[in-house]
N, C-alpha and C. Protein backbone atom coordinates (compact mmCIF):
# COMPACT_ATOMS: atom_id res chain seq x y z
N UNK A 1 41.14 -67.33 46.59
CA UNK A 1 40.31 -68.51 46.63
C UNK A 1 39.85 -68.84 45.23
N UNK A 2 39.92 -70.07 44.90
CA UNK A 2 39.49 -70.55 43.59
C UNK A 2 38.15 -71.25 43.77
N UNK A 3 37.12 -70.45 44.04
CA UNK A 3 35.82 -70.99 44.39
C UNK A 3 34.76 -69.97 44.01
N UNK A 4 33.57 -70.43 43.63
CA UNK A 4 32.50 -69.49 43.29
C UNK A 4 31.92 -68.86 44.55
N UNK A 5 31.37 -67.68 44.39
CA UNK A 5 30.87 -66.90 45.52
C UNK A 5 29.70 -67.57 46.24
N UNK A 6 28.93 -68.36 45.52
CA UNK A 6 27.74 -68.97 46.11
C UNK A 6 28.01 -70.33 46.76
N UNK A 7 29.25 -70.78 46.74
CA UNK A 7 29.55 -72.08 47.36
C UNK A 7 29.47 -71.97 48.88
N UNK A 8 29.22 -73.10 49.50
CA UNK A 8 29.15 -73.12 50.96
C UNK A 8 30.48 -72.72 51.58
N UNK A 9 31.59 -73.19 51.01
CA UNK A 9 32.89 -72.89 51.61
C UNK A 9 33.22 -71.40 51.54
N UNK A 10 32.84 -70.72 50.47
CA UNK A 10 33.08 -69.27 50.38
C UNK A 10 32.19 -68.52 51.36
N UNK A 11 30.94 -68.91 51.47
CA UNK A 11 30.04 -68.26 52.42
C UNK A 11 30.51 -68.49 53.86
N UNK A 12 31.00 -69.71 54.13
CA UNK A 12 31.52 -70.01 55.46
C UNK A 12 32.76 -69.18 55.75
N UNK A 13 33.66 -69.06 54.77
CA UNK A 13 34.86 -68.24 54.93
C UNK A 13 34.49 -66.80 55.29
N UNK A 14 33.51 -66.22 54.59
CA UNK A 14 33.09 -64.85 54.87
C UNK A 14 32.63 -64.69 56.32
N UNK A 15 31.87 -65.66 56.80
CA UNK A 15 31.35 -65.58 58.17
C UNK A 15 32.46 -65.76 59.20
N UNK A 16 33.32 -66.74 59.00
CA UNK A 16 34.38 -67.01 59.97
C UNK A 16 35.39 -65.87 60.00
N UNK A 17 35.75 -65.36 58.83
CA UNK A 17 36.75 -64.29 58.76
C UNK A 17 36.16 -62.91 59.07
N UNK A 18 34.83 -62.79 58.97
CA UNK A 18 34.14 -61.52 59.14
C UNK A 18 34.64 -60.46 58.16
N UNK A 19 34.91 -60.94 56.93
CA UNK A 19 35.34 -60.05 55.86
C UNK A 19 34.19 -59.84 54.88
N UNK A 20 34.29 -58.78 54.10
CA UNK A 20 33.27 -58.43 53.11
C UNK A 20 33.74 -58.84 51.73
N UNK A 21 32.82 -59.29 50.90
CA UNK A 21 33.11 -59.61 49.50
C UNK A 21 33.07 -58.31 48.71
N UNK A 22 34.19 -57.90 48.18
CA UNK A 22 34.30 -56.61 47.49
C UNK A 22 33.40 -56.52 46.26
N UNK A 23 32.99 -57.65 45.70
CA UNK A 23 32.18 -57.62 44.49
C UNK A 23 30.73 -57.27 44.74
N UNK A 24 30.22 -57.50 45.94
CA UNK A 24 28.80 -57.32 46.20
C UNK A 24 28.39 -55.88 45.95
N UNK A 25 27.38 -55.72 45.11
CA UNK A 25 26.88 -54.41 44.74
C UNK A 25 27.65 -53.74 43.63
N UNK A 26 28.61 -54.44 43.05
CA UNK A 26 29.46 -53.84 42.02
C UNK A 26 29.37 -54.57 40.68
N UNK A 27 28.48 -55.53 40.56
CA UNK A 27 28.31 -56.25 39.30
C UNK A 27 29.03 -57.58 39.29
N UNK A 28 28.94 -58.23 38.15
CA UNK A 28 29.57 -59.55 37.99
C UNK A 28 31.02 -59.36 37.54
N UNK A 29 31.89 -60.13 38.13
CA UNK A 29 33.29 -60.13 37.74
C UNK A 29 33.64 -61.57 37.36
N UNK A 30 33.23 -61.94 36.15
CA UNK A 30 33.47 -63.29 35.66
C UNK A 30 34.93 -63.42 35.25
N UNK A 31 35.73 -63.95 36.15
CA UNK A 31 37.18 -63.97 35.96
C UNK A 31 37.72 -65.25 35.37
N UNK A 32 36.90 -66.28 35.27
CA UNK A 32 37.36 -67.57 34.75
C UNK A 32 36.29 -68.11 33.81
N UNK A 33 36.55 -68.51 32.72
CA UNK A 33 37.73 -68.89 31.99
C UNK A 33 37.99 -67.83 30.93
N UNK A 34 39.17 -67.25 30.96
CA UNK A 34 39.50 -66.13 30.07
C UNK A 34 39.50 -66.52 28.59
N UNK A 35 39.69 -67.78 28.28
CA UNK A 35 39.80 -68.22 26.88
C UNK A 35 38.48 -68.61 26.26
N UNK A 36 37.41 -68.74 27.05
CA UNK A 36 36.12 -69.18 26.53
C UNK A 36 35.03 -68.18 26.94
N UNK A 37 34.62 -67.36 26.00
CA UNK A 37 33.68 -66.27 26.27
C UNK A 37 32.36 -66.76 26.88
N UNK A 38 31.87 -67.91 26.45
CA UNK A 38 30.56 -68.38 26.90
C UNK A 38 30.63 -69.29 28.12
N UNK A 39 31.81 -69.53 28.63
CA UNK A 39 31.99 -70.37 29.82
C UNK A 39 32.75 -69.59 30.89
N UNK A 40 32.15 -68.55 31.40
CA UNK A 40 32.80 -67.71 32.42
C UNK A 40 31.95 -67.61 33.66
N UNK A 41 32.63 -67.59 34.80
CA UNK A 41 31.95 -67.41 36.06
C UNK A 41 32.88 -66.72 37.04
N UNK A 42 32.34 -66.16 38.13
CA UNK A 42 33.16 -65.43 39.11
C UNK A 42 33.87 -66.41 40.04
N UNK A 43 35.13 -66.66 39.77
CA UNK A 43 35.89 -67.67 40.51
C UNK A 43 36.93 -67.07 41.44
N UNK A 44 37.29 -65.82 41.21
CA UNK A 44 38.33 -65.17 42.01
C UNK A 44 37.70 -64.10 42.89
N UNK A 45 38.27 -63.90 44.06
CA UNK A 45 37.64 -63.03 45.06
C UNK A 45 38.62 -62.00 45.60
N UNK A 46 38.04 -60.92 46.08
CA UNK A 46 38.76 -59.96 46.90
C UNK A 46 37.89 -59.72 48.12
N UNK A 47 38.45 -59.95 49.28
CA UNK A 47 37.75 -59.72 50.54
C UNK A 47 38.46 -58.59 51.27
N UNK A 48 37.67 -57.78 51.99
CA UNK A 48 38.26 -56.70 52.76
C UNK A 48 37.55 -56.58 54.09
N UNK A 49 38.25 -56.00 55.05
CA UNK A 49 37.63 -55.74 56.34
C UNK A 49 36.79 -54.46 56.22
N UNK A 50 35.87 -54.29 57.15
CA UNK A 50 34.87 -53.22 57.08
C UNK A 50 35.45 -51.82 57.16
N UNK A 51 36.66 -51.68 57.68
CA UNK A 51 37.23 -50.33 57.77
C UNK A 51 37.85 -49.85 56.47
N UNK A 52 37.76 -50.64 55.42
CA UNK A 52 38.25 -50.23 54.11
C UNK A 52 37.07 -49.98 53.17
N UNK A 53 37.16 -48.91 52.41
CA UNK A 53 36.16 -48.56 51.43
C UNK A 53 36.76 -48.78 50.04
N UNK A 54 35.99 -49.38 49.16
CA UNK A 54 36.47 -49.61 47.80
C UNK A 54 36.25 -48.35 46.98
N UNK A 55 37.31 -47.84 46.42
CA UNK A 55 37.24 -46.65 45.58
C UNK A 55 37.01 -47.03 44.12
N UNK A 56 37.61 -48.14 43.69
CA UNK A 56 37.45 -48.58 42.29
C UNK A 56 37.76 -50.07 42.21
N UNK A 57 37.00 -50.76 41.37
CA UNK A 57 37.24 -52.18 41.14
C UNK A 57 36.92 -52.49 39.69
N UNK A 58 37.79 -53.28 39.06
CA UNK A 58 37.58 -53.60 37.65
C UNK A 58 38.23 -54.94 37.30
N UNK A 59 37.62 -55.61 36.33
CA UNK A 59 38.24 -56.79 35.73
C UNK A 59 39.14 -56.27 34.62
N UNK A 60 40.39 -56.68 34.62
CA UNK A 60 41.37 -56.19 33.65
C UNK A 60 41.42 -57.10 32.43
N UNK A 61 42.04 -56.64 31.36
CA UNK A 61 42.13 -57.44 30.13
C UNK A 61 42.95 -58.72 30.32
N UNK A 62 42.74 -59.63 29.41
CA UNK A 62 43.44 -60.91 29.38
C UNK A 62 44.95 -60.70 29.39
N UNK A 63 45.64 -61.45 30.26
CA UNK A 63 47.10 -61.37 30.33
C UNK A 63 47.76 -62.70 29.96
N UNK A 64 46.97 -63.60 29.38
CA UNK A 64 47.51 -64.90 28.97
C UNK A 64 47.21 -66.02 29.94
N UNK A 65 46.67 -65.71 31.09
CA UNK A 65 46.26 -66.72 32.07
C UNK A 65 44.87 -67.22 31.71
N UNK A 66 44.43 -68.30 32.35
CA UNK A 66 43.04 -68.72 32.17
C UNK A 66 42.10 -67.93 33.08
N UNK A 67 42.65 -67.07 33.94
CA UNK A 67 41.88 -66.16 34.80
C UNK A 67 42.15 -64.72 34.36
N UNK A 68 41.13 -63.89 34.40
CA UNK A 68 41.33 -62.46 34.21
C UNK A 68 41.82 -61.87 35.53
N UNK A 69 42.70 -60.89 35.49
CA UNK A 69 43.10 -60.21 36.73
C UNK A 69 42.00 -59.25 37.19
N UNK A 70 41.98 -58.98 38.48
CA UNK A 70 41.06 -58.00 39.06
C UNK A 70 41.90 -56.91 39.72
N UNK A 71 41.47 -55.68 39.53
CA UNK A 71 42.13 -54.54 40.16
C UNK A 71 41.16 -53.95 41.18
N UNK A 72 41.67 -53.61 42.34
CA UNK A 72 40.85 -52.92 43.34
C UNK A 72 41.70 -51.87 44.04
N UNK A 73 41.09 -50.71 44.23
CA UNK A 73 41.74 -49.62 44.95
C UNK A 73 40.90 -49.36 46.20
N UNK A 74 41.57 -49.38 47.36
CA UNK A 74 40.90 -49.22 48.65
C UNK A 74 41.34 -47.94 49.34
N UNK A 75 40.48 -47.47 50.21
CA UNK A 75 40.83 -46.35 51.08
C UNK A 75 40.50 -46.75 52.51
N UNK A 76 41.41 -46.48 53.41
CA UNK A 76 41.21 -46.79 54.82
C UNK A 76 40.25 -45.76 55.41
N UNK A 77 39.09 -46.21 55.87
CA UNK A 77 38.05 -45.33 56.41
C UNK A 77 37.45 -45.95 57.67
N UNK A 78 38.18 -45.98 58.78
CA UNK A 78 37.64 -46.63 59.99
C UNK A 78 36.35 -46.02 60.50
N UNK A 79 36.09 -44.76 60.20
CA UNK A 79 34.86 -44.11 60.65
C UNK A 79 33.63 -44.71 59.97
N UNK A 80 33.79 -45.35 58.81
CA UNK A 80 32.67 -45.93 58.08
C UNK A 80 32.49 -47.42 58.36
N UNK A 81 33.24 -47.95 59.27
CA UNK A 81 33.19 -49.38 59.58
C UNK A 81 31.78 -49.85 59.95
N UNK A 82 31.03 -49.02 60.66
CA UNK A 82 29.69 -49.41 61.11
C UNK A 82 28.65 -49.37 60.00
N UNK A 83 28.99 -48.88 58.83
CA UNK A 83 28.04 -48.82 57.71
C UNK A 83 27.84 -50.19 57.06
N UNK A 84 28.74 -51.12 57.31
CA UNK A 84 28.68 -52.44 56.66
C UNK A 84 28.02 -53.46 57.57
N UNK A 85 27.26 -54.33 56.95
CA UNK A 85 26.67 -55.45 57.68
C UNK A 85 27.58 -56.66 57.50
N UNK A 86 28.30 -57.01 58.54
CA UNK A 86 29.26 -58.11 58.49
C UNK A 86 28.59 -59.36 59.05
N UNK A 87 28.62 -60.44 58.25
CA UNK A 87 28.06 -61.71 58.70
C UNK A 87 29.05 -62.38 59.65
N UNK A 88 28.53 -63.04 60.66
CA UNK A 88 29.39 -63.76 61.59
C UNK A 88 28.95 -65.22 61.68
N UNK A 89 29.88 -66.07 61.98
CA UNK A 89 29.62 -67.51 62.08
C UNK A 89 29.07 -67.86 63.45
N UNK A 90 28.11 -68.78 63.46
CA UNK A 90 27.63 -69.28 64.74
C UNK A 90 28.53 -70.43 65.19
N UNK A 91 28.25 -71.01 66.33
CA UNK A 91 29.11 -72.07 66.89
C UNK A 91 29.21 -73.27 65.97
N UNK A 92 28.09 -73.66 65.35
CA UNK A 92 28.10 -74.81 64.44
C UNK A 92 28.97 -74.53 63.22
N UNK A 93 28.88 -73.34 62.67
CA UNK A 93 29.69 -72.98 61.50
C UNK A 93 31.17 -72.91 61.86
N UNK A 94 31.48 -72.41 63.05
CA UNK A 94 32.89 -72.38 63.50
C UNK A 94 33.43 -73.80 63.62
N UNK A 95 32.62 -74.71 64.14
CA UNK A 95 33.04 -76.11 64.27
C UNK A 95 33.26 -76.73 62.89
N UNK A 96 32.39 -76.43 61.93
CA UNK A 96 32.55 -76.94 60.57
C UNK A 96 33.83 -76.40 59.94
N UNK A 97 34.12 -75.13 60.15
CA UNK A 97 35.35 -74.53 59.61
C UNK A 97 36.58 -75.19 60.23
N UNK A 98 36.57 -75.40 61.55
CA UNK A 98 37.69 -76.07 62.21
C UNK A 98 37.88 -77.47 61.65
N UNK A 99 36.77 -78.18 61.42
CA UNK A 99 36.84 -79.54 60.87
C UNK A 99 37.45 -79.54 59.47
N UNK A 100 37.04 -78.59 58.64
CA UNK A 100 37.59 -78.48 57.28
C UNK A 100 39.08 -78.17 57.30
N UNK A 101 39.47 -77.26 58.18
CA UNK A 101 40.89 -76.89 58.28
C UNK A 101 41.72 -78.09 58.75
N UNK A 102 41.24 -78.79 59.75
CA UNK A 102 41.95 -79.97 60.26
C UNK A 102 42.04 -81.04 59.19
N UNK A 103 40.94 -81.27 58.48
CA UNK A 103 40.91 -82.27 57.41
C UNK A 103 41.91 -81.92 56.31
N UNK A 104 41.93 -80.67 55.88
CA UNK A 104 42.85 -80.23 54.83
C UNK A 104 44.30 -80.30 55.29
N UNK A 105 44.56 -79.95 56.54
CA UNK A 105 45.94 -80.03 57.08
C UNK A 105 46.40 -81.47 57.10
N UNK A 106 45.52 -82.36 57.52
CA UNK A 106 45.85 -83.79 57.54
C UNK A 106 46.13 -84.29 56.13
N UNK A 107 45.31 -83.89 55.18
CA UNK A 107 45.50 -84.30 53.79
C UNK A 107 46.82 -83.77 53.24
N UNK A 108 47.17 -82.52 53.58
CA UNK A 108 48.44 -81.93 53.12
C UNK A 108 49.63 -82.67 53.72
N UNK A 109 49.55 -83.01 54.99
CA UNK A 109 50.64 -83.74 55.64
C UNK A 109 50.80 -85.14 55.06
N UNK A 110 49.69 -85.78 54.69
CA UNK A 110 49.76 -87.11 54.09
C UNK A 110 50.43 -87.09 52.74
N UNK A 111 50.25 -85.99 51.99
CA UNK A 111 50.82 -85.91 50.63
C UNK A 111 52.31 -85.62 50.66
N UNK A 112 52.87 -85.27 51.81
CA UNK A 112 54.31 -84.95 51.92
C UNK A 112 55.16 -86.19 52.10
N UNK A 113 54.55 -87.34 52.33
CA UNK A 113 55.31 -88.57 52.56
C UNK A 113 55.96 -89.08 51.32
């Protein structure tokens, strides 16, 4: 996703997908813009399901892109699934997500003409 963590669409995605943001509690991972030191923000994400534990996560050095790469190492730990607080979407948020998906699909189909 090319979106900041605090945007409504990213927060909605987390709730609808019931995935965890791997960055939470691990510091800032300002991945964009790699070419401008004073204009960086966390634009790239890694989401995981609750049965995975993050063993290591790091922002890697510049590879020539305008985004820095992120590395994450996970371990499958289904016994620890209940340790995470997973946000879930309510009916209104699910309807908003469906509307956004339908709108984007329609827009994509229109651009194929």
